[in-house]
């Protein structure tokens, strides 16, 4: 049973690390793999109530790999830590099967009270480099946490959390607690713009959403101006005052995308 689990761990490295070339290289030079094996030993001792020995072994693993996993943490099968340096996993954290984690990740707590205080990751969760997942929250099956995100609330299954604080930006799902996300989703439907798809041209979904809103506001402005002209023809007393001109550069905080600049120059 123990050796079959170790073979699964090695196979997980080959499945998710294109730099892996040979099993001997993986077994001898992969710090994430070493940290997981050391943790399994420390966790077994922790469950046998040999807690001081378990902590000592975990501390040794931290010294050797740069990865700190509390021996009380529960980790499922085929867990893969890529690079690994700076990873911290707290005592009451739970990690499901086939999860992936990159360097600098913290599964931490937000309270000093005993009991459940660290996150639970369901199966197939991917946590990007530098992400912080804090508190006794649940990350749903198949969810993805973007690099450097700070997550303090539960993430639904198959969703993608990005930003500080993390927002859910997966296509077809708007975070119900962020009114701005709901408004952007409505604007997406009106403008026919795929707000939550991450394209290669503009990778930041917030920038793309602002562009969509600006486009829609310009369309509304043009239609209102046209309606005012027609009303002026029908009623000469009608006064059509000019609306303020939208300054995209000011609204974007001085940032204008390359695509927008090219469109205007043409």
Protein backbone atom coordinates (compact mmCIF):
# COMPACT_ATOMS: atom_id res chain seq x y z
CA UNK A 1 0.00 0.00 0.00
CA UNK A 2 2.77 2.41 0.93
CA UNK A 3 4.83 1.67 -2.19
CA UNK A 4 1.80 1.85 -4.48
CA UNK A 5 1.08 5.33 -3.07
CA UNK A 6 4.67 6.36 -3.72
CA UNK A 7 4.41 5.15 -7.31
CA UNK A 8 1.25 7.23 -7.72
CA UNK A 9 3.08 10.28 -6.40
CA UNK A 10 5.92 9.79 -8.89
CA UNK A 11 3.46 9.29 -11.73
CA UNK A 12 1.69 12.53 -10.74
CA UNK A 13 4.98 14.40 -11.19
CA UNK A 14 5.39 13.03 -14.72
CA UNK A 15 1.75 13.85 -15.54
CA UNK A 16 1.99 17.50 -14.42
CA UNK A 17 5.64 18.51 -14.81
CA UNK A 18 6.95 18.60 -18.40
CA UNK A 19 10.48 19.03 -17.04
CA UNK A 20 10.41 15.54 -15.50
CA UNK A 21 12.58 13.20 -17.61
CA UNK A 22 13.51 10.11 -15.61
CA UNK A 23 12.14 8.45 -12.50
CA UNK A 24 15.52 8.54 -10.76
CA UNK A 25 15.81 12.27 -11.37
CA UNK A 26 12.29 12.83 -10.00
CA UNK A 27 12.83 10.69 -6.90
CA UNK A 28 16.16 12.31 -6.02
CA UNK A 29 15.64 15.97 -6.96
CA UNK A 30 11.93 16.82 -6.56
CA UNK A 31 11.45 18.82 -3.32
CA UNK A 32 7.67 18.67 -3.58
CA UNK A 33 7.77 14.90 -3.75
CA UNK A 34 10.15 14.70 -0.79
CA UNK A 35 7.92 17.02 1.25
CA UNK A 36 4.86 14.87 0.59
CA UNK A 37 6.64 11.65 1.56
CA UNK A 38 8.03 13.21 4.73
CA UNK A 39 4.56 14.49 5.57
CA UNK A 40 2.98 11.06 5.16
CA UNK A 41 5.44 9.70 7.73
CA UNK A 42 4.89 12.64 10.08
CA UNK A 43 1.10 12.45 9.70
CA UNK A 44 1.11 8.74 10.58
CA UNK A 45 3.03 9.49 13.76
CA UNK A 46 0.66 12.39 14.51
CA UNK A 47 -2.33 10.06 14.23
CA UNK A 48 -0.57 7.64 16.59
CA UNK A 49 -0.33 10.54 19.11
CA UNK A 50 3.45 10.72 18.79
CA UNK A 51 3.07 14.44 18.18
CA UNK A 52 6.49 15.64 19.27
CA UNK A 53 8.22 13.16 16.98
CA UNK A 54 5.84 14.10 14.18
CA UNK A 55 6.62 17.80 14.60
CA UNK A 56 10.34 17.07 14.64
CA UNK A 57 10.11 15.14 11.38
CA UNK A 58 7.98 17.89 9.82
CA UNK A 59 10.54 20.47 10.88
CA UNK A 60 13.29 18.41 9.30
CA UNK A 61 11.26 18.24 6.09
CA UNK A 62 10.88 22.01 6.15
CA UNK A 63 14.64 22.44 6.52
CA UNK A 64 15.38 20.05 3.63
CA UNK A 65 12.71 21.19 1.15
CA UNK A 66 11.60 24.71 2.07
CA UNK A 67 8.03 23.40 2.30
CA UNK A 68 6.20 23.54 5.64
CA UNK A 69 3.37 21.04 6.09
CA UNK A 70 1.93 20.59 9.56
CA UNK A 71 1.76 16.87 10.43
CA UNK A 72 -1.92 17.27 11.32
CA UNK A 73 -2.88 18.29 7.76
CA UNK A 74 -4.79 15.71 5.72
CA UNK A 75 -3.58 15.22 2.16
CA UNK A 76 -5.16 13.01 -0.49
CA UNK A 77 -3.66 10.93 -3.26
CA UNK A 78 -1.54 12.21 -6.17
CA UNK A 79 -0.92 15.60 -4.61
CA UNK A 80 1.69 17.55 -6.60
CA UNK A 81 3.73 20.53 -5.37
CA UNK A 82 5.68 22.21 -8.18
CA UNK A 83 8.90 24.02 -7.16
CA UNK A 84 7.52 24.20 -3.63
CA UNK A 85 9.67 26.83 -1.95
CA UNK A 86 7.66 28.83 0.56
CA UNK A 87 4.57 26.60 0.64
CA UNK A 88 2.84 26.58 4.04
CA UNK A 89 -0.01 24.18 4.88
CA UNK A 90 -1.67 24.54 8.29
CA UNK A 91 -2.70 21.94 10.84
CA UNK A 92 -6.40 21.62 10.02
CA UNK A 93 -6.04 21.96 6.25
CA UNK A 94 -7.55 19.21 4.10
CA UNK A 95 -6.49 18.52 0.52
CA UNK A 96 -8.35 16.15 -1.80
CA UNK A 97 -7.08 13.88 -4.56
CA UNK A 98 -5.23 15.10 -7.68
CA UNK A 99 -4.63 18.63 -6.37
CA UNK A 100 -1.80 20.82 -7.64
CA UNK A 101 0.01 23.59 -5.79
CA UNK A 102 2.79 25.95 -6.82
CA UNK A 103 5.48 27.76 -4.84
CA UNK A 104 4.64 30.42 -2.28
CA UNK A 105 1.14 29.14 -1.52
CA UNK A 106 -0.30 29.49 1.98
CA UNK A 107 -3.22 27.48 3.35
CA UNK A 108 -3.53 29.50 6.53
CA UNK A 109 -5.90 30.39 9.33
CA UNK A 110 -7.56 33.64 10.33
CA UNK A 111 -8.09 32.94 14.02
CA UNK A 112 -6.13 31.79 17.07
CA UNK A 113 -9.04 29.71 18.32
CA UNK A 114 -8.59 25.91 18.31
CA UNK A 115 -10.62 23.72 15.97
CA UNK A 116 -11.06 23.89 12.22
CA UNK A 117 -9.32 27.08 11.05
CA UNK A 118 -7.66 26.19 7.72
CA UNK A 119 -9.08 25.64 4.22
CA UNK A 120 -10.47 22.47 2.68
CA UNK A 121 -9.53 21.80 -0.94
CA UNK A 122 -11.72 19.32 -2.79
CA UNK A 123 -10.45 17.08 -5.60
CA UNK A 124 -8.59 18.50 -8.63
CA UNK A 125 -8.05 21.99 -7.20
CA UNK A 126 -5.16 24.01 -8.65
CA UNK A 127 -3.59 26.79 -6.56
CA UNK A 128 -1.32 29.21 -8.41
CA UNK A 129 2.01 30.58 -7.21
CA UNK A 130 1.85 32.98 -4.29
CA UNK A 131 -1.86 32.50 -3.61
CA UNK A 132 -3.15 32.81 -0.04
CA UNK A 133 -6.19 30.75 0.94
CA UNK A 134 -7.20 31.73 4.45
CA UNK A 135 -9.74 30.51 6.98
CA UNK A 136 -11.98 27.43 7.33
CA UNK A 137 -13.40 27.80 3.82
CA UNK A 138 -14.06 25.20 1.14
CA UNK A 139 -12.59 25.33 -2.35
CA UNK A 140 -14.91 23.35 -4.61
CA UNK A 141 -13.95 20.44 -6.81
CA UNK A 142 -12.04 21.45 -9.93
CA UNK A 143 -11.67 25.08 -8.83
CA UNK A 144 -8.63 27.17 -9.74
CA UNK A 145 -6.97 29.85 -7.63
CA UNK A 146 -5.00 32.40 -9.65
CA UNK A 147 -1.46 33.41 -8.80
CA UNK A 148 -1.16 35.86 -5.87
CA UNK A 149 -4.91 35.76 -5.20
CA UNK A 150 -6.11 36.22 -1.62
CA UNK A 151 -9.11 33.97 -0.99
CA UNK A 152 -11.10 34.36 2.23
CA UNK A 153 -14.51 33.04 1.11
CA UNK A 154 -15.66 29.69 -0.31
CA UNK A 155 -15.04 29.13 -4.02
CA UNK A 156 -17.66 27.15 -5.99
CA UNK A 157 -16.75 24.01 -7.90
CA UNK A 158 -15.14 24.59 -11.31
CA UNK A 159 -14.85 28.34 -10.63
CA UNK A 160 -11.71 30.45 -11.00
CA UNK A 161 -10.77 32.92 -8.27
CA UNK A 162 -8.46 35.82 -9.10
CA UNK A 163 -7.38 39.09 -7.53
CA UNK A 164 -7.19 40.72 -4.09
CA UNK A 165 -9.68 40.06 -2.65
CA UNK A 166 -10.41 37.15 -4.94
CA UNK A 167 -13.33 37.51 -7.35
CA UNK A 168 -14.92 34.67 -9.29
CA UNK A 169 -14.32 35.29 -12.95
CA UNK A 170 -15.23 31.97 -14.52
CA UNK A 171 -17.34 32.20 -17.64
CA UNK A 172 -21.01 31.74 -16.83
CA UNK A 173 -20.66 32.45 -13.11
CA UNK A 174 -20.81 35.85 -11.41
CA UNK A 175 -19.85 36.23 -7.77
CA UNK A 176 -23.17 37.01 -6.01
CA UNK A 177 -21.50 39.08 -3.29
CA UNK A 178 -19.86 41.49 -5.70
CA UNK A 179 -22.47 43.83 -7.17
CA UNK A 180 -19.94 45.17 -9.63
CA UNK A 181 -19.49 41.70 -11.08
CA UNK A 182 -23.25 41.33 -11.48
CA UNK A 183 -23.48 44.66 -13.31
CA UNK A 184 -20.65 43.69 -15.59
CA UNK A 185 -22.39 40.43 -16.40
CA UNK A 186 -25.54 42.35 -17.36
CA UNK A 187 -23.45 44.66 -19.51
CA UNK A 188 -21.89 41.63 -21.15
CA UNK A 189 -25.31 40.39 -22.23
CA UNK A 190 -26.34 43.81 -23.55
CA UNK A 191 -23.11 44.43 -25.43
CA UNK A 192 -22.71 40.87 -26.68
CA UNK A 193 -19.28 40.79 -25.08
CA UNK A 194 -17.78 37.69 -23.50
CA UNK A 195 -16.77 39.35 -20.25
CA UNK A 196 -15.33 36.38 -18.42
CA UNK A 197 -13.39 34.68 -21.18
CA UNK A 198 -9.68 35.23 -20.79
CA UNK A 199 -8.25 35.87 -24.22
CA UNK A 200 -4.60 36.16 -25.14
CA UNK A 201 -4.98 39.75 -26.33
CA UNK A 202 -6.18 41.19 -22.96
CA UNK A 203 -5.59 38.67 -20.16
CA UNK A 204 -7.02 40.84 -17.36
CA UNK A 205 -10.81 40.27 -17.15
CA UNK A 206 -11.36 43.57 -15.32
CA UNK A 207 -9.68 45.55 -18.09
CA UNK A 208 -11.77 43.75 -20.69
CA UNK A 209 -14.95 44.44 -18.74
CA UNK A 210 -14.14 48.17 -18.52
CA UNK A 211 -13.60 48.23 -22.27
CA UNK A 212 -16.99 46.57 -22.77
CA UNK A 213 -18.72 49.12 -20.53
CA UNK A 214 -17.06 52.02 -22.35
CA UNK A 215 -18.15 50.64 -25.72
CA UNK A 216 -21.72 50.28 -24.52
CA UNK A 217 -21.83 53.78 -23.02
CA UNK A 218 -20.56 55.25 -26.29
CA UNK A 219 -23.31 53.43 -28.18
CA UNK A 220 -25.95 54.78 -25.79
CA UNK A 221 -24.53 58.30 -26.15
CA UNK A 222 -24.70 58.09 -29.94
CA UNK A 223 -28.28 56.83 -29.90
CA UNK A 224 -29.40 59.57 -27.51
CA UNK A 225 -27.77 62.20 -29.73
CA UNK A 226 -29.58 60.80 -32.78
CA UNK A 227 -32.89 60.82 -30.90
CA UNK A 228 -32.28 64.43 -29.87
CA UNK A 229 -31.74 65.46 -33.47
CA UNK A 230 -35.04 63.86 -34.53
CA UNK A 231 -36.89 65.47 -31.63
CA UNK A 232 -35.44 68.85 -32.66
CA UNK A 233 -36.85 68.38 -36.16
CA UNK A 234 -40.31 67.64 -34.76
CA UNK A 235 -40.28 70.34 -32.07
CA UNK A 236 -38.11 73.40 -32.77
CA UNK A 237 -38.30 74.38 -29.08
CA UNK A 238 -36.55 71.19 -28.02
CA UNK A 239 -33.07 71.85 -26.66
CA UNK A 240 -30.53 69.06 -27.03
CA UNK A 241 -27.66 69.87 -24.70
CA UNK A 242 -24.36 68.13 -25.37
CA UNK A 243 -23.51 65.37 -22.92
CA UNK A 244 -20.05 65.27 -21.32
CA UNK A 245 -17.52 63.47 -23.47
CA UNK A 246 -16.29 60.19 -21.98
CA UNK A 247 -12.54 60.26 -21.59
CA UNK A 248 -11.37 56.68 -21.78
CA UNK A 249 -7.88 57.54 -20.56
CA UNK A 250 -9.20 59.14 -17.36
CA UNK A 251 -11.64 56.31 -16.69
CA UNK A 252 -8.86 53.77 -17.13
CA UNK A 253 -6.56 55.60 -14.72
CA UNK A 254 -4.21 56.66 -17.50
CA UNK A 255 -4.12 53.20 -19.08
CA UNK A 256 -5.28 52.72 -22.65
CA UNK A 257 -4.81 49.37 -24.30
CA UNK A 258 -2.72 48.99 -27.43
CA UNK A 259 -5.79 47.79 -29.34
CA UNK A 260 -7.71 50.99 -28.47
CA UNK A 261 -4.81 53.18 -29.55
CA UNK A 262 -4.52 51.39 -32.87
CA UNK A 263 -8.26 51.68 -33.52
CA UNK A 264 -8.21 55.45 -32.93
CA UNK A 265 -5.15 55.96 -35.14
CA UNK A 266 -6.86 54.15 -37.98
